Protein backbone atom coordinates (compact mmCIF):
# COMPACT_ATOMS: atom_id res chain seq x y z
CA MET A 1 -7.07 14.73 -4.37
CA ARG A 2 -3.98 12.93 -3.07
CA ARG A 3 -4.49 9.99 -0.74
CA VAL A 4 -1.00 8.76 -0.04
CA PRO A 5 -0.56 6.33 2.86
CA THR A 6 1.25 8.80 5.14
CA VAL A 7 -1.67 11.23 4.92
CA LEU A 8 -4.19 8.44 5.43
CA ALA A 9 -2.39 7.20 8.53
CA ALA A 10 -2.04 10.64 10.10
CA ALA A 11 -5.64 11.62 9.53
CA ALA A 12 -7.08 8.30 10.60
CA THR A 13 -5.30 8.20 13.94
CA THR A 14 -7.87 10.54 15.46
CA LEU A 15 -10.85 9.56 13.30
CA LEU A 16 -11.03 5.80 13.02
CA LEU A 17 -8.85 4.01 15.50
CA ALA A 18 -11.30 4.05 18.34
CA ALA A 19 -13.64 1.92 16.23
CA THR A 20 -13.90 -1.83 16.51
CA PRO A 21 -11.25 -3.62 14.43
CA ALA A 22 -13.52 -5.19 11.84
CA VAL A 23 -15.39 -2.60 9.80
CA ALA A 24 -15.84 -4.73 6.71
CA HIS A 25 -17.21 -8.24 6.76
CA GLY A 26 -18.76 -10.61 4.29
CA GLY A 27 -17.32 -12.94 1.73
CA GLY A 28 -19.51 -15.97 2.42
CA ARG A 29 -20.28 -18.12 5.45
CA PRO A 30 -17.95 -18.05 8.47
CA ASP A 31 -15.05 -20.48 8.30
CA PRO A 32 -15.67 -23.24 10.88
CA ARG A 33 -11.90 -23.61 11.25
CA PRO A 34 -10.59 -20.03 11.30
CA PRO A 35 -6.88 -19.43 10.85
CA THR A 36 -4.83 -18.91 13.99
CA VAL A 37 -2.89 -15.70 14.63
CA THR A 38 0.26 -15.81 16.75
CA ASP A 39 2.44 -12.90 17.85
CA VAL A 40 6.10 -12.93 16.77
CA THR A 41 6.99 -9.55 18.29
CA THR A 42 5.27 -6.39 19.53
CA GLY A 43 6.03 -2.75 20.30
CA LEU A 44 6.67 -1.71 16.67
CA VAL A 45 6.16 1.91 15.60
CA GLY A 46 4.08 2.09 12.42
CA PRO A 47 5.07 -1.27 10.86
CA LEU A 48 3.69 -0.66 7.37
CA SER A 49 5.86 -3.08 5.36
CA LEU A 50 7.73 -6.34 5.86
CA ALA A 51 9.86 -8.83 3.94
CA VAL A 52 10.67 -12.49 4.50
CA GLY A 53 14.35 -13.38 4.87
CA HIS A 54 16.39 -16.53 5.51
CA HIS A 55 16.33 -18.78 8.59
CA GLY A 56 13.18 -17.31 10.09
CA THR A 57 14.27 -13.67 9.89
CA THR A 58 11.66 -11.08 9.00
CA TYR A 59 12.51 -7.51 8.01
CA VAL A 60 10.05 -4.86 9.16
CA THR A 61 9.95 -1.11 8.56
CA GLN A 62 8.89 1.08 11.45
CA ASP A 63 7.79 3.87 9.16
CA PHE A 64 7.06 6.61 11.67
CA ALA A 65 10.29 6.00 13.57
CA GLY A 66 12.40 5.83 10.40
CA LEU A 67 13.73 2.36 11.25
CA LEU A 68 14.52 -0.78 9.27
CA THR A 69 14.43 -3.70 11.69
CA ALA A 70 15.31 -7.41 11.59
CA VAL A 71 13.15 -9.73 13.71
CA ASP A 72 14.45 -13.25 14.36
CA ARG A 73 12.30 -16.32 14.89
CA ARG A 74 12.30 -15.68 18.67
CA GLY A 75 10.94 -12.17 18.16
CA THR A 76 14.16 -10.34 18.99
CA GLN A 77 14.41 -6.98 17.20
CA THR A 78 17.66 -5.60 15.74
CA VAL A 79 17.80 -2.19 14.07
CA LEU A 80 19.67 -2.39 10.75
CA TYR A 81 19.19 1.20 9.63
CA GLU A 82 17.94 4.46 11.15
CA SER A 83 17.02 7.31 8.81
CA GLY A 84 17.15 10.08 11.39
CA GLY A 85 13.75 11.41 10.41
CA PRO A 86 12.55 10.41 6.92
CA GLU A 87 9.91 7.72 6.54
CA VAL A 88 11.32 4.25 5.88
CA ALA A 89 8.97 1.87 4.05
CA GLY A 90 8.61 -0.60 1.20
CA VAL A 91 11.17 -3.20 2.29
CA SER A 92 11.85 -6.28 0.14
CA TYR A 93 14.53 -8.97 0.17
CA ASP A 94 16.12 -10.45 -2.94
CA GLY A 95 17.36 -13.69 -1.38
CA HIS A 96 21.01 -12.72 -1.93
CA ARG A 97 21.70 -10.66 1.20
CA THR A 98 20.33 -7.39 -0.26
CA LEU A 99 17.48 -5.41 1.25
CA THR A 100 15.65 -2.82 -0.83
CA PHE A 101 13.57 -0.14 0.85
CA THR A 102 12.11 3.32 0.29
CA GLU A 103 12.89 6.56 2.10
CA THR A 104 10.69 9.64 1.88
CA VAL A 105 10.96 13.15 3.34
CA ALA A 106 7.65 14.91 4.03
CA ASP A 107 6.75 18.10 5.86
CA PRO A 108 5.20 17.02 9.20
CA GLU A 109 2.57 19.76 9.03
CA THR A 110 1.50 19.79 5.37
CA MET A 111 2.66 16.25 4.41
CA ALA A 112 4.16 17.80 1.25
CA ILE A 113 6.90 15.49 -0.02
CA SER A 114 10.28 16.97 -0.88
CA ALA A 115 12.32 13.81 -1.50
CA SER A 116 11.68 10.15 -2.20
CA ALA A 117 14.09 7.40 -3.21
CA VAL A 118 14.65 3.67 -3.30
CA LYS A 119 17.76 2.41 -1.51
CA THR A 120 19.58 -0.90 -1.12
CA LEU A 121 21.41 -2.27 1.91
CA ARG A 122 23.85 -5.18 1.67
CA LEU A 123 24.05 -7.62 4.56
CA ASP A 124 27.00 -9.74 5.59
CA ARG A 125 26.83 -13.48 6.33
CA ARG A 126 25.67 -12.78 9.87
CA GLY A 127 22.83 -10.57 8.66
CA ALA A 128 24.44 -7.32 9.81
CA PRO A 129 24.67 -4.25 7.52
CA SER A 130 27.71 -4.28 5.24
CA GLY A 131 28.28 -0.58 4.64
CA ASP A 132 25.79 2.24 4.23
CA PRO A 133 22.66 2.13 2.06
CA ALA A 134 23.09 3.07 -1.61
CA VAL A 135 20.54 4.97 -3.69
CA LEU A 136 19.09 2.72 -6.37
CA VAL A 137 16.77 5.32 -7.87
CA ASP A 138 15.70 8.85 -6.98
CA THR A 139 11.98 8.56 -7.76
CA TYR A 140 11.36 12.20 -6.90
CA ALA A 141 13.86 13.32 -9.56
CA PHE A 142 12.42 10.83 -12.05
CA GLU A 143 8.93 12.19 -11.43
CA GLN A 144 10.03 15.78 -11.90
CA ALA A 145 11.71 14.90 -15.18
CA ASN A 146 8.95 12.65 -16.57
CA ASN A 147 5.61 12.97 -14.68
CA PRO A 148 4.16 9.83 -16.34
CA ASP A 149 0.52 10.65 -15.54
CA ALA A 150 0.73 14.26 -16.79
CA GLY A 151 -1.65 13.38 -19.63
CA VAL A 152 -4.29 11.84 -17.36
CA THR A 153 -7.31 13.98 -16.45
CA TYR A 154 -8.71 13.52 -12.95
CA GLY A 155 -11.87 14.92 -11.44
CA LEU A 156 -15.13 15.56 -13.32
CA ARG A 157 -13.65 14.74 -16.71
CA ASP A 158 -16.95 13.59 -18.27
CA THR A 159 -19.08 16.41 -16.84
CA ASP A 160 -20.60 19.34 -18.75
CA PRO A 161 -18.07 22.22 -18.62
CA ALA A 162 -20.88 24.56 -17.59
CA CYS A 163 -21.32 22.51 -14.41
CA VAL A 164 -17.58 22.22 -13.81
CA ALA A 165 -17.34 26.02 -13.97
CA GLN A 166 -19.71 26.26 -10.99
CA ILE A 167 -17.48 24.12 -8.74
CA PRO A 168 -15.80 26.25 -6.04
CA GLU A 169 -12.04 25.94 -5.66
CA ASN A 170 -11.06 23.25 -3.18
CA PRO A 171 -7.47 21.95 -3.00
CA MET A 172 -8.66 18.62 -1.63
CA PHE A 173 -11.28 18.12 -4.36
CA PRO A 174 -10.33 20.07 -7.49
CA ALA A 175 -13.04 19.90 -10.12
CA LEU A 176 -10.68 19.07 -12.97
CA TYR A 177 -6.90 18.68 -13.19
CA GLN A 178 -4.06 16.82 -14.86
CA GLY A 179 -1.61 14.52 -13.12
CA ILE A 180 0.79 16.59 -11.04
CA GLU A 181 4.45 16.07 -10.16
CA ASP A 182 4.41 14.02 -6.98
CA SER A 183 6.44 11.01 -5.87
CA HIS A 184 6.07 8.76 -2.84
CA ALA A 185 7.98 5.52 -3.42
CA TYR A 186 6.11 3.14 -1.14
CA ALA A 187 6.68 -0.52 -2.02
CA THR A 188 9.35 -2.58 -3.78
CA THR A 189 9.95 -6.10 -5.01
CA SER A 190 12.75 -7.68 -7.06
CA TRP A 191 12.66 -10.35 -9.76
CA LEU A 192 15.43 -11.59 -12.07
CA GLY A 193 17.61 -8.53 -11.45
CA THR A 194 14.81 -5.99 -11.87
CA THR A 195 13.34 -3.97 -9.02
CA PHE A 196 9.70 -2.92 -9.30
CA VAL A 197 8.49 0.12 -7.35
CA ALA A 198 4.94 1.10 -6.45
CA ASP A 199 4.94 4.90 -6.32
CA ALA A 200 1.92 6.11 -4.36
CA GLY A 201 2.53 9.71 -5.39
CA SER A 202 2.99 9.35 -9.14
CA ASN A 203 0.30 6.63 -9.47
CA THR A 204 2.74 4.35 -11.25
CA VAL A 205 4.64 1.10 -11.17
CA LEU A 206 8.29 1.68 -12.11
CA SER A 207 11.09 -0.75 -12.92
CA VAL A 208 14.82 -0.36 -12.32
CA ASP A 209 17.31 -2.70 -13.99
CA ARG A 210 20.83 -3.67 -12.89
CA ARG A 211 22.29 -0.65 -14.71
CA GLY A 212 20.01 1.75 -12.87
CA THR A 213 17.80 2.46 -15.89
CA VAL A 214 14.33 3.52 -14.76
CA ARG A 215 11.22 2.79 -16.80
CA THR A 216 7.53 3.46 -16.26
CA VAL A 217 5.89 0.05 -16.41
CA ALA A 218 2.33 1.31 -16.01
CA VAL A 219 0.23 4.27 -14.93
CA LEU A 220 -2.60 2.82 -12.86
CA PRO A 221 -6.18 3.57 -14.03
CA ALA A 222 -8.11 6.45 -12.47
CA GLN A 223 -10.74 5.32 -9.96
CA PRO A 224 -14.40 6.29 -10.64
CA ALA A 225 -16.92 7.24 -7.95
CA THR A 226 -20.43 8.63 -8.33
CA ILE A 227 -21.04 11.95 -6.57
CA THR A 228 -23.90 11.55 -4.10
CA PRO A 229 -26.03 14.36 -2.65
CA GLU A 230 -24.24 13.83 0.70
CA ALA A 231 -20.80 14.12 -0.89
CA ALA A 232 -21.77 17.23 -2.87
CA ALA A 233 -23.13 18.89 0.25
CA ALA A 234 -20.02 18.02 2.24
CA VAL A 235 -17.72 19.86 -0.18
CA GLY A 236 -20.15 22.62 -1.19
CA TRP A 237 -20.73 21.49 -4.76
CA PRO A 238 -23.80 22.53 -6.83
CA GLU A 239 -26.70 20.20 -7.59
CA CYS A 240 -25.53 19.69 -11.16
CA ALA A 241 -22.59 17.64 -9.83
CA VAL A 242 -24.84 15.06 -8.16
CA GLY A 243 -24.84 11.81 -10.11
CA GLN A 244 -21.69 12.72 -12.01
CA THR A 245 -18.58 10.53 -12.02
CA TYR A 246 -15.51 11.84 -10.25
CA TRP A 247 -12.27 10.19 -11.35
CA PHE A 248 -9.93 9.89 -8.38
CA GLU A 249 -6.24 9.18 -8.60
CA PRO A 250 -5.20 5.58 -7.99
CA VAL A 251 -2.72 5.13 -5.14
CA PRO A 252 -0.59 1.99 -5.51
CA THR A 253 0.43 0.65 -2.11
CA ASP A 254 2.19 -2.63 -2.94
CA VAL A 255 3.62 -4.59 -5.84
CA GLU A 256 4.41 -8.31 -5.86
CA VAL A 257 5.55 -10.78 -8.49
CA GLY A 258 3.14 -13.67 -9.02
CA PRO A 259 3.36 -16.85 -11.08
CA PHE A 260 4.95 -16.46 -14.53
CA GLY A 261 6.26 -12.98 -13.67
CA GLN A 262 2.88 -11.26 -13.58
CA LEU A 263 2.80 -8.25 -11.25
CA TYR A 264 0.04 -7.81 -8.67
CA VAL A 265 -0.68 -4.32 -7.31
CA THR A 266 -2.95 -3.02 -4.57
CA THR A 267 -4.40 0.48 -4.75
CA LEU A 268 -6.19 2.80 -2.40
CA PRO A 269 -9.23 4.39 -4.06
CA GLY A 270 -7.82 7.93 -3.98
CA GLY A 271 -11.03 9.28 -2.46
CA PRO A 272 -12.85 9.15 0.89
CA GLU A 273 -13.90 5.71 2.08
CA ASP A 274 -16.28 7.24 4.63
CA PRO A 275 -19.58 5.35 4.12
CA SER A 276 -21.63 8.37 5.21
CA LEU A 277 -20.71 10.12 1.93
CA GLY A 278 -22.00 7.21 -0.14
CA LEU A 279 -19.19 7.47 -2.71
CA GLY A 280 -18.42 3.79 -2.62
CA ALA A 281 -14.69 4.53 -2.92
CA ARG A 282 -12.89 1.25 -2.42
CA GLY A 283 -9.44 -0.17 -3.05
CA ALA A 284 -8.64 -2.66 -5.80
CA VAL A 285 -6.17 -5.30 -6.93
CA TYR A 286 -4.69 -5.16 -10.42
CA THR A 287 -2.45 -7.37 -12.47
CA VAL A 288 0.18 -5.56 -14.50
CA ASP A 289 2.07 -7.08 -17.41
CA PRO A 290 5.69 -6.08 -16.67
CA TRP A 291 6.64 -6.24 -20.36
CA ARG A 292 3.73 -4.45 -22.03
CA GLY A 293 2.33 -2.47 -19.12
CA ARG A 294 -1.23 -3.72 -19.59
CA THR A 295 -3.35 -3.49 -16.44
CA ARG A 296 -6.39 -5.55 -15.50
CA GLN A 297 -8.56 -5.14 -12.44
CA VAL A 298 -8.78 -8.46 -10.62
CA ALA A 299 -11.03 -7.42 -7.73
CA THR A 300 -12.36 -4.39 -5.89
CA GLY A 301 -14.29 -3.70 -2.69
CA PHE A 302 -11.31 -3.43 -0.32
CA VAL A 303 -11.30 -0.97 2.59
CA SER A 304 -7.83 0.63 2.68
CA ALA A 305 -5.90 -2.04 0.77
CA THR A 306 -2.38 -1.34 2.03
CA ASP A 307 -0.53 -4.53 1.07
CA LEU A 308 -0.88 -7.90 -0.59
CA ALA A 309 0.74 -11.32 -0.70
CA VAL A 310 0.75 -13.85 -3.53
CA SER A 311 1.28 -17.58 -2.99
CA PRO A 312 3.23 -19.73 -5.49
CA ARG A 313 0.00 -20.96 -7.05
CA GLY A 314 -1.43 -17.47 -7.42
CA ASP A 315 -3.66 -17.11 -4.35
CA VAL A 316 -3.87 -13.40 -3.54
CA TYR A 317 -4.33 -12.02 -0.03
CA VAL A 318 -4.92 -8.38 0.91
CA ALA A 319 -4.42 -6.43 4.15
CA GLU A 320 -7.34 -4.05 4.65
CA LEU A 321 -6.08 -1.51 7.18
CA PHE A 322 -9.39 0.07 8.16
CA GLY A 323 -11.40 -2.95 7.09
CA GLY A 324 -9.92 -4.79 10.07
CA ARG A 325 -9.26 -7.97 8.13
CA ILE A 326 -6.99 -9.96 5.88
CA SER A 327 -8.98 -11.09 2.87
CA GLU A 328 -8.48 -13.40 -0.08
CA VAL A 329 -9.27 -12.35 -3.64
CA LYS A 330 -12.11 -14.46 -4.93
CA ARG A 331 -14.33 -14.25 -7.97
CA GLY A 332 -17.02 -11.76 -7.03
CA GLY A 333 -14.99 -9.91 -4.42
CA PRO A 334 -12.96 -10.24 -1.23
CA ARG A 335 -13.43 -13.19 1.13
CA THR A 336 -12.51 -12.72 4.77
CA VAL A 337 -9.63 -14.93 5.89
CA VAL A 338 -9.26 -13.54 9.40
CA GLU A 339 -10.28 -10.42 11.28
CA VAL A 340 -7.38 -8.59 12.92
CA PRO A 341 -6.96 -5.01 14.16
CA LEU A 342 -5.39 -2.57 11.68
CA PRO A 343 -3.42 -4.94 9.44
CA ALA A 344 -0.90 -3.08 7.27
CA ALA A 345 1.78 -5.37 5.81
CA LEU A 346 1.45 -8.87 4.43
CA GLU A 347 3.82 -11.47 2.96
CA TRP A 348 3.73 -15.14 2.00
CA ASP A 349 6.58 -17.04 3.62
CA GLY A 350 6.14 -20.53 2.15
CA ARG A 351 4.04 -21.86 5.03
CA GLY A 352 1.38 -19.19 5.35
CA LEU A 353 1.18 -15.49 5.96
CA LEU A 354 3.20 -13.03 7.98
CA ALA A 355 1.45 -9.76 8.75
CA THR A 356 1.69 -6.62 10.84
CA THR A 357 -1.29 -5.59 12.94
CA ASN A 358 -2.13 -2.69 15.27
CA ALA A 359 -0.10 -0.72 12.74
CA LEU A 360 -1.36 2.69 13.91
CA PRO A 361 -1.63 3.80 17.54
CA GLY A 362 -4.96 4.71 19.05
CA GLU A 363 -5.54 8.28 20.16
CA GLY A 364 -3.43 8.94 23.25
CA ALA A 365 -2.00 5.41 23.23
CA PRO A 366 1.67 4.47 22.68
CA PRO A 367 2.62 2.68 19.45
CA ASP A 368 2.31 -1.09 19.75
CA GLY A 369 2.48 -2.63 16.30
CA HIS A 370 2.61 -6.42 16.13
CA LEU A 371 4.32 -8.81 13.74
CA VAL A 372 2.14 -11.92 13.59
CA ARG A 373 2.06 -15.30 11.89
CA VAL A 374 -1.24 -16.35 10.31
CA ASP A 375 -1.53 -20.13 10.13
CA LEU A 376 -4.07 -20.79 7.40
CA GLY A 377 -4.45 -24.49 8.14
CA LYS A 378 -5.29 -27.41 5.85
CA ARG A 379 -8.73 -26.11 4.99
CA TRP A 380 -7.20 -23.30 2.95
CA GLY A 381 -5.19 -25.71 0.82
CA HIS A 382 -1.72 -24.33 1.54
CA TRP A 383 -0.28 -27.09 3.73
CA GLY A 384 3.21 -28.24 2.88
CA ARG A 385 4.09 -25.55 0.32
């Protein structure tokens, strides 16, 4: 089953957005001095990624409107690029007047992706676009030529074949399959001349060097979930499937460079997070060695982990879209930093966190995404950095 962010957002608009913002809680006793959240700007259309620039400028993608927008410290919005239809996401800034972002073409009815690429946009000294965007890498073409997870088996890979043979065909929950050709470049970051890409379709982290050479850094691990009686009944599976492990595809949603060049990656669980099914499907945070490709799970238990931020000392924060909170990775699981409605994007800006909230519109309501500043305060130990 594919669980790419575009599909998640479209389906959830009518299913989950009428709920109260905070679905997931926990992580210890309430903070007596909670962080403060202040609006920078509002009225954004699907702000699913952001990047911190110079002199108080923040770059925000309005994914569903196909816009790349600059927001100054006063909250004034300036459109830098308009795609004319394709999704614009995954923006990052290299500190040298170059923006990197992703652009993906998907069928509005089926959500089938027909093109996905990473582009760069040079800015002049005033912060205005200097020419048209250039394609850095065509991830869709790379996936068709390489399909890095082709050798990975998803589904009931440890189950008795006799039971697997009884599973009815279901395109959303195939009983057993290999990694398919699918690319959805979704997040980017740059470090020492290399651009890293989280591809939510191919389940990979890719790297692109200055010469345009593309390399698969890592294929993220498949995500296990135990089939409950409720889940089996919901999809019409036989009793023999109950108690078996279903290996879902990982869906990387962000990649950031942490201390010493270590990569940090958030993933969606690839399967339903609906608690009524009892699957326990939850997002996770991984570290990825950019040189050897080794992955290590740092934490799990996140509800729709759509983005993360890493401070200079290695503190890791996660936006949980349908969890209704920004959390911090702690030993033993997530710790709530602040509860906010539908947080999607998250970045560390040297003083604290910048985030987008209200990232998806409620049913029948106009889009009204917010860019906010989260002041963590002295109690969180980040003052003056």
